[in-house]
């Protein structure tokens, strides 16, 4: 009887030990997990802080560059009345819009990339000498002529395109008709052979389109009580 009681007690003690061992292992694993999470968070924070420190020199360099730029002399800009902004917007819209409308109705290629730049001058910087009728009309005309002639003689190559633009610039200079967008007119003339229209390119789209832009510019600016043109020739 006593032996049986001893055996039962020993078995209970062994089972209790197993339970305690399992509980200890679970607690140990939990503590290791917690420690692993804390280590992970600590490493993450340390890496993030190191990245922030690495970014500091770059930020400082940006600040130095910004301070240098701020010290550069700046052109004084006067406030632009909202009326001028609206007039420029509607002027450019009407000028390009009317040219595009005629191009679609008449099926004439009067749409030319340089006209967008010309519109900025005619309807935005209308007081500029480069925006006056002589510069717009004569500048586009002589550039188109030079471009077509260069293409006719040399075709479309990298050097002939450069030659066309350079000669157009020289001719605009000696005729006092410099108009920056006209440089692109010569470029397109040499590159595409006048949009495939050859010498007709000089009159349509170039001369006709430029004339429409100037005509609408004169009418619209007069209606808007803006001084354009400041001179005709």
C-alpha atoms as a PDB file:
ATOM      1  CA  UNK A   1       0.000   0.000   0.000  1.00  0.00           C
ATOM      2  CA  UNK A   2       2.745   2.363   0.956  1.00  0.00           C
ATOM      3  CA  UNK A   3       4.623   1.394  -2.191  1.00  0.00           C
ATOM      4  CA  UNK A   4       1.578   2.254  -4.329  1.00  0.00           C
ATOM      5  CA  UNK A   5       1.196   5.640  -2.625  1.00  0.00           C
ATOM      6  CA  UNK A   6       4.863   6.330  -3.220  1.00  0.00           C
ATOM      7  CA  UNK A   7       4.550   5.406  -6.892  1.00  0.00           C
ATOM      8  CA  UNK A   8       1.501   7.685  -7.330  1.00  0.00           C
ATOM      9  CA  UNK A   9       3.294  10.537  -5.570  1.00  0.00           C
ATOM     10  CA  UNK A  10       6.368  10.069  -7.746  1.00  0.00           C
ATOM     11  CA  UNK A  11       4.232  10.052 -10.877  1.00  0.00           C
ATOM     12  CA  UNK A  12       2.486  13.281  -9.801  1.00  0.00           C
ATOM     13  CA  UNK A  13       5.847  14.877  -9.034  1.00  0.00           C
ATOM     14  CA  UNK A  14       7.148  13.932 -12.492  1.00  0.00           C
ATOM     15  CA  UNK A  15       4.033  15.317 -14.173  1.00  0.00           C
ATOM     16  CA  UNK A  16       4.278  18.555 -12.181  1.00  0.00           C
ATOM     17  CA  UNK A  17       7.914  18.860 -13.238  1.00  0.00           C
ATOM     18  CA  UNK A  18       6.969  18.409 -16.886  1.00  0.00           C
ATOM     19  CA  UNK A  19       4.305  21.099 -16.549  1.00  0.00           C
ATOM     20  CA  UNK A  20       6.807  23.441 -14.908  1.00  0.00           C
ATOM     21  CA  UNK A  21       9.402  22.700 -17.607  1.00  0.00           C
ATOM     22  CA  UNK A  22       6.856  23.425 -20.370  1.00  0.00           C
ATOM     23  CA  UNK A  23       5.784  26.654 -18.649  1.00  0.00           C
ATOM     24  CA  UNK A  24       9.424  27.672 -18.290  1.00  0.00           C
ATOM     25  CA  UNK A  25      10.115  26.973 -21.975  1.00  0.00           C
ATOM     26  CA  UNK A  26       7.051  28.973 -23.030  1.00  0.00           C
ATOM     27  CA  UNK A  27       8.090  31.863 -20.784  1.00  0.00           C
ATOM     28  CA  UNK A  28      11.638  31.660 -22.121  1.00  0.00           C
ATOM     29  CA  UNK A  29      10.439  31.698 -25.748  1.00  0.00           C
ATOM     30  CA  UNK A  30       8.147  34.634 -25.006  1.00  0.00           C
ATOM     31  CA  UNK A  31      10.950  36.587 -23.399  1.00  0.00           C
ATOM     32  CA  UNK A  32      13.233  35.809 -26.347  1.00  0.00           C
ATOM     33  CA  UNK A  33      10.522  36.945 -28.754  1.00  0.00           C
ATOM     34  CA  UNK A  34      10.053  40.147 -26.795  1.00  0.00           C
ATOM     35  CA  UNK A  35      13.784  40.685 -26.726  1.00  0.00           C
ATOM     36  CA  UNK A  36      13.961  39.966 -30.465  1.00  0.00           C
ATOM     37  CA  UNK A  37      11.255  42.565 -31.169  1.00  0.00           C
ATOM     38  CA  UNK A  38      12.982  45.115 -28.971  1.00  0.00           C
ATOM     39  CA  UNK A  39      16.303  44.433 -30.695  1.00  0.00           C
ATOM     40  CA  UNK A  40      14.625  44.754 -34.098  1.00  0.00           C
ATOM     41  CA  UNK A  41      12.997  48.041 -33.128  1.00  0.00           C
ATOM     42  CA  UNK A  42      16.253  49.331 -31.679  1.00  0.00           C
ATOM     43  CA  UNK A  43      18.160  48.415 -34.855  1.00  0.00           C
ATOM     44  CA  UNK A  44      15.456  49.986 -37.020  1.00  0.00           C
ATOM     45  CA  UNK A  45      15.527  53.242 -35.040  1.00  0.00           C
ATOM     46  CA  UNK A  46      19.324  53.283 -35.140  1.00  0.00           C
ATOM     47  CA  UNK A  47      19.371  52.751 -38.922  1.00  0.00           C
ATOM     48  CA  UNK A  48      16.714  55.427 -39.456  1.00  0.00           C
ATOM     49  CA  UNK A  49      18.625  57.893 -37.331  1.00  0.00           C
ATOM     50  CA  UNK A  50      21.800  57.076 -39.286  1.00  0.00           C
ATOM     51  CA  UNK A  51      19.960  57.739 -42.543  1.00  0.00           C
ATOM     52  CA  UNK A  52      18.771  61.044 -41.175  1.00  0.00           C
ATOM     53  CA  UNK A  53      22.338  61.913 -40.254  1.00  0.00           C
ATOM     54  CA  UNK A  54      23.457  60.882 -43.748  1.00  0.00           C
ATOM     55  CA  UNK A  55      20.857  63.203 -45.233  1.00  0.00           C
ATOM     56  CA  UNK A  56      22.016  66.171 -43.233  1.00  0.00           C
ATOM     57  CA  UNK A  57      25.071  66.978 -45.410  1.00  0.00           C
ATOM     58  CA  UNK A  58      22.896  66.826 -48.540  1.00  0.00           C
ATOM     59  CA  UNK A  59      20.378  69.183 -46.942  1.00  0.00           C
ATOM     60  CA  UNK A  60      23.155  71.496 -45.914  1.00  0.00           C
ATOM     61  CA  UNK A  61      24.487  71.530 -49.471  1.00  0.00           C
ATOM     62  CA  UNK A  62      21.031  72.435 -50.785  1.00  0.00           C
ATOM     63  CA  UNK A  63      20.818  75.265 -48.262  1.00  0.00           C
ATOM     64  CA  UNK A  64      24.228  76.545 -49.312  1.00  0.00           C
ATOM     65  CA  UNK A  65      23.288  76.486 -53.004  1.00  0.00           C
ATOM     66  CA  UNK A  66      19.994  78.196 -52.202  1.00  0.00           C
ATOM     67  CA  UNK A  67      21.759  80.924 -50.235  1.00  0.00           C
ATOM     68  CA  UNK A  68      24.181  81.505 -53.123  1.00  0.00           C
ATOM     69  CA  UNK A  69      21.321  81.752 -55.624  1.00  0.00           C
ATOM     70  CA  UNK A  70      19.505  84.249 -53.405  1.00  0.00           C
ATOM     71  CA  UNK A  71      22.594  86.463 -53.369  1.00  0.00           C
ATOM     72  CA  UNK A  72      22.691  86.672 -57.191  1.00  0.00           C
ATOM     73  CA  UNK A  73      21.442  89.959 -58.683  1.00  0.00           C
ATOM     74  CA  UNK A  74      17.809  89.755 -59.717  1.00  0.00           C
ATOM     75  CA  UNK A  75      15.873  91.647 -62.347  1.00  0.00           C
ATOM     76  CA  UNK A  76      13.203  93.790 -60.715  1.00  0.00           C
ATOM     77  CA  UNK A  77       9.757  92.517 -61.659  1.00  0.00           C
ATOM     78  CA  UNK A  78       6.847  94.883 -61.462  1.00  0.00           C
ATOM     79  CA  UNK A  79       3.406  93.560 -60.647  1.00  0.00           C
ATOM     80  CA  UNK A  80       1.455  92.421 -63.727  1.00  0.00           C
ATOM     81  CA  UNK A  81      -2.189  93.561 -63.719  1.00  0.00           C
ATOM     82  CA  UNK A  82      -4.689  90.747 -64.055  1.00  0.00           C
ATOM     83  CA  UNK A  83      -6.204  92.582 -67.017  1.00  0.00           C
ATOM     84  CA  UNK A  84      -2.954  92.111 -68.956  1.00  0.00           C
ATOM     85  CA  UNK A  85      -2.929  88.414 -68.171  1.00  0.00           C
ATOM     86  CA  UNK A  86      -6.497  87.949 -69.419  1.00  0.00           C
ATOM     87  CA  UNK A  87      -5.855  89.955 -72.579  1.00  0.00           C
ATOM     88  CA  UNK A  88      -2.776  87.870 -73.352  1.00  0.00           C
ATOM     89  CA  UNK A  89      -4.728  84.678 -72.806  1.00  0.00           C
ATOM     90  CA  UNK A  90      -7.615  85.584 -75.093  1.00  0.00           C
ATOM     91  CA  UNK A  91      -5.342  87.151 -77.683  1.00  0.00           C
ATOM     92  CA  UNK A  92      -3.265  84.011 -78.069  1.00  0.00           C
ATOM     93  CA  UNK A  93      -6.418  81.886 -78.064  1.00  0.00           C
ATOM     94  CA  UNK A  94      -8.016  83.909 -80.856  1.00  0.00           C
ATOM     95  CA  UNK A  95      -4.867  84.210 -82.955  1.00  0.00           C
ATOM     96  CA  UNK A  96      -3.943  80.533 -82.936  1.00  0.00           C
ATOM     97  CA  UNK A  97      -7.582  79.447 -82.887  1.00  0.00           C
ATOM     98  CA  UNK A  98      -8.473  81.434 -86.017  1.00  0.00           C
ATOM     99  CA  UNK A  99      -5.386  80.165 -87.849  1.00  0.00           C
ATOM    100  CA  UNK A 100      -6.222  76.586 -86.908  1.00  0.00           C
ATOM    101  CA  UNK A 101      -9.864  77.061 -87.922  1.00  0.00           C
ATOM    102  CA  UNK A 102      -8.902  78.264 -91.399  1.00  0.00           C
ATOM    103  CA  UNK A 103      -6.427  75.414 -91.726  1.00  0.00           C
ATOM    104  CA  UNK A 104      -9.179  72.884 -91.008  1.00  0.00           C
ATOM    105  CA  UNK A 105     -11.795  74.596 -93.185  1.00  0.00           C
ATOM    106  CA  UNK A 106      -9.567  75.309 -96.188  1.00  0.00           C
ATOM    107  CA  UNK A 107      -7.438  72.195 -95.688  1.00  0.00           C
ATOM    108  CA  UNK A 108      -4.342  74.380 -95.905  1.00  0.00           C
ATOM    109  CA  UNK A 109      -1.308  73.567 -93.756  1.00  0.00           C
ATOM    110  CA  UNK A 110      -1.327  76.904 -91.930  1.00  0.00           C
ATOM    111  CA  UNK A 111      -0.471  75.277 -88.611  1.00  0.00           C
ATOM    112  CA  UNK A 112       3.211  75.742 -87.872  1.00  0.00           C
ATOM    113  CA  UNK A 113       5.028  75.183 -84.556  1.00  0.00           C
ATOM    114  CA  UNK A 114       6.875  78.539 -84.561  1.00  0.00           C
ATOM    115  CA  UNK A 115       3.525  80.352 -84.617  1.00  0.00           C
ATOM    116  CA  UNK A 116       3.024  79.326 -80.991  1.00  0.00           C
ATOM    117  CA  UNK A 117       6.199  81.199 -80.047  1.00  0.00           C
ATOM    118  CA  UNK A 118       5.192  84.154 -82.214  1.00  0.00           C
ATOM    119  CA  UNK A 119       1.893  84.350 -80.345  1.00  0.00           C
ATOM    120  CA  UNK A 120       3.738  84.695 -77.045  1.00  0.00           C
ATOM    121  CA  UNK A 121       5.483  87.785 -78.414  1.00  0.00           C
ATOM    122  CA  UNK A 122       2.523  89.332 -80.252  1.00  0.00           C
ATOM    123  CA  UNK A 123      -0.047  88.866 -77.482  1.00  0.00           C
ATOM    124  CA  UNK A 124       2.170  88.725 -74.404  1.00  0.00           C
ATOM    125  CA  UNK A 125       5.372  90.721 -74.978  1.00  0.00           C
ATOM    126  CA  UNK A 126       3.683  93.026 -77.483  1.00  0.00           C
ATOM    127  CA  UNK A 127       5.942  95.986 -76.641  1.00  0.00           C
ATOM    128  CA  UNK A 128       9.069  94.055 -77.526  1.00  0.00           C
ATOM    129  CA  UNK A 129      10.842  95.127 -80.759  1.00  0.00           C
ATOM    130  CA  UNK A 130      10.918  91.438 -81.702  1.00  0.00           C
ATOM    131  CA  UNK A 131       7.108  91.320 -81.703  1.00  0.00           C
ATOM    132  CA  UNK A 132       6.463  94.148 -84.177  1.00  0.00           C
ATOM    133  CA  UNK A 133       4.894  93.447 -87.593  1.00  0.00           C
ATOM    134  CA  UNK A 134       8.152  93.981 -89.517  1.00  0.00           C
ATOM    135  CA  UNK A 135       9.975  91.431 -87.390  1.00  0.00           C
ATOM    136  CA  UNK A 136       7.184  88.859 -87.458  1.00  0.00           C
ATOM    137  CA  UNK A 137       6.383  89.041 -91.179  1.00  0.00           C
ATOM    138  CA  UNK A 138       9.840  89.665 -92.609  1.00  0.00           C
ATOM    139  CA  UNK A 139      11.559  87.373 -90.106  1.00  0.00           C
ATOM    140  CA  UNK A 140       9.358  84.396 -90.978  1.00  0.00           C
ATOM    141  CA  UNK A 141       9.522  85.188 -94.698  1.00  0.00           C
ATOM    142  CA  UNK A 142      13.305  85.370 -95.048  1.00  0.00           C
ATOM    143  CA  UNK A 143      13.794  82.336 -92.793  1.00  0.00           C
ATOM    144  CA  UNK A 144      11.396  80.274 -94.888  1.00  0.00           C
ATOM    145  CA  UNK A 145      13.174  81.351 -98.079  1.00  0.00           C
ATOM    146  CA  UNK A 146      16.606  80.461 -96.707  1.00  0.00           C
ATOM    147  CA  UNK A 147      15.398  77.133 -95.357  1.00  0.00           C
ATOM    148  CA  UNK A 148      13.805  76.020 -98.627  1.00  0.00           C
ATOM    149  CA  UNK A 149      16.809  77.075-100.715  1.00  0.00           C
ATOM    150  CA  UNK A 150      19.225  75.222 -98.421  1.00  0.00           C
ATOM    151  CA  UNK A 151      17.055  72.108 -98.557  1.00  0.00           C
ATOM    152  CA  UNK A 152      16.804  72.382-102.334  1.00  0.00           C
ATOM    153  CA  UNK A 153      20.584  72.457-102.713  1.00  0.00           C
ATOM    154  CA  UNK A 154      21.797  70.197 -99.912  1.00  0.00           C
ATOM    155  CA  UNK A 155      18.830  68.167 -98.687  1.00  0.00           C
ATOM    156  CA  UNK A 156      18.167  67.401 -95.033  1.00  0.00           C
ATOM    157  CA  UNK A 157      21.380  66.642 -93.141  1.00  0.00           C
ATOM    158  CA  UNK A 158      22.634  67.637 -89.713  1.00  0.00           C
ATOM    159  CA  UNK A 159      24.909  70.311 -91.166  1.00  0.00           C
ATOM    160  CA  UNK A 160      22.394  71.648 -93.680  1.00  0.00           C
ATOM    161  CA  UNK A 161      19.848  72.202 -90.871  1.00  0.00           C
ATOM    162  CA  UNK A 162      22.489  74.093 -88.906  1.00  0.00           C
ATOM    163  CA  UNK A 163      23.459  76.072 -92.028  1.00  0.00           C
ATOM    164  CA  UNK A 164      19.835  77.005 -92.718  1.00  0.00           C
ATOM    165  CA  UNK A 165      19.233  78.357 -89.212  1.00  0.00           C
ATOM    166  CA  UNK A 166      22.570  80.194 -89.172  1.00  0.00           C
ATOM    167  CA  UNK A 167      21.966  81.857 -92.549  1.00  0.00           C
ATOM    168  CA  UNK A 168      18.419  82.783 -91.514  1.00  0.00           C
ATOM    169  CA  UNK A 169      19.805  84.471 -88.404  1.00  0.00           C
ATOM    170  CA  UNK A 170      22.329  86.431 -90.489  1.00  0.00           C
ATOM    171  CA  UNK A 171      19.709  87.543 -92.987  1.00  0.00           C
ATOM    172  CA  UNK A 172      17.284  88.595 -90.239  1.00  0.00           C
ATOM    173  CA  UNK A 173      20.089  90.568 -88.613  1.00  0.00           C
ATOM    174  CA  UNK A 174      21.097  92.508 -91.729  1.00  0.00           C
ATOM    175  CA  UNK A 175      17.442  93.256 -92.573  1.00  0.00           C
ATOM    176  CA  UNK A 176      16.638  94.354 -88.983  1.00  0.00           C
ATOM    177  CA  UNK A 177      13.919  91.752 -88.732  1.00  0.00           C
ATOM    178  CA  UNK A 178      15.107  89.422 -85.957  1.00  0.00           C
ATOM    179  CA  UNK A 179      12.223  87.280 -84.756  1.00  0.00           C
ATOM    180  CA  UNK A 180      13.345  84.300 -82.625  1.00  0.00           C
ATOM    181  CA  UNK A 181      10.494  81.935 -83.625  1.00  0.00           C
ATOM    182  CA  UNK A 182      11.542  82.381 -87.269  1.00  0.00           C
ATOM    183  CA  UNK A 183      14.679  80.372 -86.542  1.00  0.00           C
ATOM    184  CA  UNK A 184      12.402  77.354 -86.110  1.00  0.00           C
ATOM    185  CA  UNK A 185      10.736  78.222 -89.418  1.00  0.00           C
ATOM    186  CA  UNK A 186      14.087  77.781 -91.181  1.00  0.00           C
ATOM    187  CA  UNK A 187      14.779  74.622 -89.166  1.00  0.00           C
ATOM    188  CA  UNK A 188      11.516  73.005 -90.251  1.00  0.00           C
ATOM    189  CA  UNK A 189      12.001  74.110 -93.854  1.00  0.00           C
ATOM    190  CA  UNK A 190      15.356  72.336 -94.142  1.00  0.00           C
ATOM    191  CA  UNK A 191      14.345  69.283 -92.128  1.00  0.00           C
ATOM    192  CA  UNK A 192      11.054  68.567 -93.894  1.00  0.00           C
ATOM    193  CA  UNK A 193      11.450  70.302 -97.235  1.00  0.00           C
ATOM    194  CA  UNK A 194       8.864  72.868 -96.231  1.00  0.00           C
ATOM    195  CA  UNK A 195       6.452  70.241 -94.865  1.00  0.00           C
ATOM    196  CA  UNK A 196       6.691  68.609 -98.277  1.00  0.00           C
ATOM    197  CA  UNK A 197       5.287  71.708 -99.983  1.00  0.00           C
ATOM    198  CA  UNK A 198       8.673  72.932-101.296  1.00  0.00           C
ATOM    199  CA  UNK A 199       8.628  76.639-102.259  1.00  0.00           C
ATOM    200  CA  UNK A 200       4.899  76.897-101.550  1.00  0.00           C
ATOM    201  CA  UNK A 201       5.888  76.616 -97.887  1.00  0.00           C
ATOM    202  CA  UNK A 202       7.106  80.224 -98.034  1.00  0.00           C
ATOM    203  CA  UNK A 203       3.585  81.517 -98.700  1.00  0.00           C
ATOM    204  CA  UNK A 204       1.469  78.881 -97.000  1.00  0.00           C
ATOM    205  CA  UNK A 205       1.733  78.293 -94.104  1.00  0.00           C
ATOM    206  CA  UNK A 206       4.517  80.768 -93.285  1.00  0.00           C
ATOM    207  CA  UNK A 207       3.604  84.153 -94.759  1.00  0.00           C
ATOM    208  CA  UNK A 208      -0.163  83.663 -94.660  1.00  0.00           C
ATOM    209  CA  UNK A 209      -0.148  82.321 -91.100  1.00  0.00           C
ATOM    210  CA  UNK A 210       2.156  85.069 -89.829  1.00  0.00           C
ATOM    211  CA  UNK A 211      -0.029  87.713 -91.492  1.00  0.00           C
ATOM    212  CA  UNK A 212      -3.142  86.361 -89.767  1.00  0.00           C
ATOM    213  CA  UNK A 213      -1.410  86.386 -86.389  1.00  0.00           C
ATOM    214  CA  UNK A 214      -0.275  89.989 -86.866  1.00  0.00           C
ATOM    215  CA  UNK A 215      -3.676  91.133 -88.153  1.00  0.00           C
ATOM    216  CA  UNK A 216      -5.539  89.646 -85.199  1.00  0.00           C
ATOM    217  CA  UNK A 217      -2.837  90.990 -82.894  1.00  0.00           C
ATOM    218  CA  UNK A 218      -3.318  94.544 -84.177  1.00  0.00           C
ATOM    219  CA  UNK A 219      -7.120  94.382 -83.958  1.00  0.00           C
ATOM    220  CA  UNK A 220      -7.273  92.658 -80.579  1.00  0.00           C
ATOM    221  CA  UNK A 221      -4.620  94.834 -78.932  1.00  0.00           C
ATOM    222  CA  UNK A 222      -6.266  97.991 -80.206  1.00  0.00           C
ATOM    223  CA  UNK A 223      -9.608  96.853 -78.808  1.00  0.00           C
ATOM    224  CA  UNK A 224      -7.889  96.050 -75.524  1.00  0.00           C
ATOM    225  CA  UNK A 225      -6.329  99.536 -75.528  1.00  0.00           C
ATOM    226  CA  UNK A 226      -2.828  98.147 -75.672  1.00  0.00           C
ATOM    227  CA  UNK A 227      -0.122  99.871 -77.682  1.00  0.00           C
ATOM    228  CA  UNK A 228       0.544  97.484 -80.537  1.00  0.00           C
ATOM    229  CA  UNK A 229       2.289  97.913 -82.822  1.00  0.00           C
ATOM    230  CA  UNK A 230       4.739 100.426 -81.425  1.00  0.00           C
ATOM    231  CA  UNK A 231       6.038 100.757 -84.988  1.00  0.00           C
ATOM    232  CA  UNK A 232       5.140  99.205 -88.313  1.00  0.00           C
ATOM    233  CA  UNK A 233       8.404  99.211 -90.189  1.00  0.00           C
END
